[in-house]
């Protein structure tokens, strides 16, 4: 973990929840992976009470959305403003479909 945190420091990235969520805003799954390898949980919230998944959805960052969903980010996480990743992405048709499909998949029992 310390080595991974050192790698973040070499990139001038601090190991904080805000920096983690900012990596999602920047559409940078490689940096997100460094955070997770260093011990950051996938559903960590920033000072605005938003997860990386919510932020990626707002920004329309499909590469990061896909990475976060594969990493099992919680699609049902709710911010203090009552927002979820799904509600954050309604204006981005592709992201909305991606999240809705994932949500249906995890909510549908396999027979």
Protein backbone atom coordinates (compact mmCIF):
# COMPACT_ATOMS: atom_id res chain seq x y z
CA UNK A 1 0.00 0.00 0.00
CA UNK A 2 2.76 2.44 0.88
CA UNK A 3 4.43 1.90 -2.50
CA UNK A 4 1.13 2.67 -4.26
CA UNK A 5 0.69 5.82 -2.19
CA UNK A 6 4.24 6.77 -3.16
CA UNK A 7 3.26 6.31 -6.82
CA UNK A 8 0.34 8.70 -6.30
CA UNK A 9 2.68 11.21 -4.65
CA UNK A 10 5.07 10.97 -7.62
CA UNK A 11 2.12 12.02 -9.80
CA UNK A 12 1.51 14.96 -7.41
CA UNK A 13 -1.80 13.40 -6.33
CA UNK A 14 -2.70 13.41 -2.65
CA UNK A 15 -4.33 10.34 -1.14
CA UNK A 16 -7.65 11.95 -0.22
CA UNK A 17 -11.31 11.24 -0.99
CA UNK A 18 -11.50 14.48 -2.98
CA UNK A 19 -8.55 13.45 -5.16
CA UNK A 20 -10.09 10.01 -5.70
CA UNK A 21 -13.38 11.49 -6.92
CA UNK A 22 -11.46 14.04 -9.00
CA UNK A 23 -9.74 11.16 -10.82
CA UNK A 24 -13.23 10.01 -11.86
CA UNK A 25 -14.03 13.54 -13.05
CA UNK A 26 -10.78 13.46 -15.05
CA UNK A 27 -11.77 10.13 -16.65
CA UNK A 28 -8.65 8.41 -15.30
CA UNK A 29 -9.31 4.78 -14.31
CA UNK A 30 -5.57 4.09 -14.00
CA UNK A 31 -5.32 6.62 -11.18
CA UNK A 32 -8.51 5.24 -9.63
CA UNK A 33 -6.87 1.81 -9.62
CA UNK A 34 -3.85 3.25 -7.80
CA UNK A 35 -6.18 4.63 -5.12
CA UNK A 36 -7.96 1.29 -4.73
CA UNK A 37 -4.62 -0.55 -4.58
CA UNK A 38 -3.56 1.90 -1.85
CA UNK A 39 -6.65 1.06 0.21
CA UNK A 40 -9.28 3.59 -0.85
CA UNK A 41 -12.76 2.06 -0.96
CA UNK A 42 -14.60 2.26 -4.28
CA UNK A 43 -17.58 4.13 -2.77
CA UNK A 44 -15.57 6.79 -0.94
CA UNK A 45 -17.32 10.18 -0.96
CA UNK A 46 -15.73 13.58 -1.39
CA UNK A 47 -16.48 16.78 0.57
CA UNK A 48 -19.60 17.28 -1.59
CA UNK A 49 -20.82 13.82 -0.47
CA UNK A 50 -20.49 12.43 -4.02
CA UNK A 51 -18.95 9.13 -5.07
CA UNK A 52 -16.64 8.63 -8.02
CA UNK A 53 -19.51 6.88 -9.82
CA UNK A 54 -21.81 9.90 -9.39
CA UNK A 55 -19.11 12.22 -10.67
CA UNK A 56 -18.23 10.05 -13.67
CA UNK A 57 -21.93 9.87 -14.54
CA UNK A 58 -22.31 13.66 -14.35
CA UNK A 59 -19.26 14.20 -16.54
CA UNK A 60 -20.23 11.57 -19.10
CA UNK A 61 -17.01 9.62 -18.59
CA UNK A 62 -18.01 6.25 -19.99
CA UNK A 63 -14.56 4.65 -19.64
CA UNK A 64 -14.49 5.49 -15.95
CA UNK A 65 -18.13 4.49 -15.50
CA UNK A 66 -17.39 1.09 -16.97
CA UNK A 67 -14.33 0.65 -14.75
CA UNK A 68 -16.22 1.66 -11.60
CA UNK A 69 -19.12 -0.66 -12.39
CA UNK A 70 -16.72 -3.55 -12.95
CA UNK A 71 -15.12 -2.67 -9.61
CA UNK A 72 -18.59 -3.05 -8.02
CA UNK A 73 -19.25 0.60 -7.21
CA UNK A 74 -22.60 1.01 -5.48
CA UNK A 75 -25.11 2.30 -8.04
CA UNK A 76 -27.60 2.94 -5.21
CA UNK A 77 -25.36 5.23 -3.13
CA UNK A 78 -27.16 8.47 -2.29
CA UNK A 79 -25.57 11.88 -1.71
CA UNK A 80 -26.77 14.29 0.96
CA UNK A 81 -28.57 16.11 -1.89
CA UNK A 82 -30.55 12.93 -2.62
CA UNK A 83 -28.70 12.23 -5.86
CA UNK A 84 -27.60 8.83 -7.17
CA UNK A 85 -25.36 8.00 -10.13
CA UNK A 86 -28.48 7.16 -12.13
CA UNK A 87 -30.18 10.48 -11.39
CA UNK A 88 -26.94 12.34 -12.12
CA UNK A 89 -26.69 10.91 -15.63
CA UNK A 90 -30.17 11.46 -17.04
CA UNK A 91 -28.94 14.14 -19.42
CA UNK A 92 -26.30 11.77 -20.80
CA UNK A 93 -28.31 9.15 -22.71
CA UNK A 94 -25.49 6.62 -23.14
CA UNK A 95 -24.50 6.74 -19.48
CA UNK A 96 -28.11 6.47 -18.39
CA UNK A 97 -28.54 3.31 -20.45
CA UNK A 98 -25.27 1.87 -19.13
CA UNK A 99 -26.20 2.45 -15.50
CA UNK A 100 -29.81 1.38 -15.94
CA UNK A 101 -28.71 -1.87 -17.59
CA UNK A 102 -26.26 -2.56 -14.78
CA UNK A 103 -28.88 -1.75 -12.14
CA UNK A 104 -31.37 -4.12 -13.74
CA UNK A 105 -28.73 -6.83 -13.96
CA UNK A 106 -27.84 -6.67 -10.27
CA UNK A 107 -31.48 -6.38 -9.19
CA UNK A 108 -32.77 -9.30 -11.27
CA UNK A 109 -32.45 -12.70 -9.58
CA UNK A 110 -30.80 -15.39 -11.68
CA UNK A 111 -33.00 -18.46 -12.07
